[in-house]
Amino acid sequence: MGEIIDKPIINKYNGVMKKSISDKIIVVVQALGYLLSLDDNHKMNRVKLIKLLWAADRFHLRKYGRSVTETDYVAMYHGPVSSLALDIANQSRVCS
């Protein structure tokens, strides 16, 4: 009792499997890594990185009906932020 099980959940309305938190972390890390690889001078700051991730999610949502990262966004002072992506970017030494 009280044990947390990290398994995908099937949505009863459309049968789509939701990603577990560990799957979401992997997807966000891969998306952030891809966006960092596009930076030629390797000096992308966190704000730009998070904004690019939001733009990619928004574009993908409009085109395919779902976001890339499938994470929740929160309203912040400088715009919408994926809290999971922000936590990962803050832990990284790669982006300043």
Foldseek 3Di string as FASTA:
>chain_A
DPDDDFDWDQDPPPRDTDHGPVVLLVQLVVLLVVVQVVDPVQAAAPVVSQVVQVVQQVVCCVPPVGGRRNADWDADPSGIGRPSNSVVRVPDPRYD
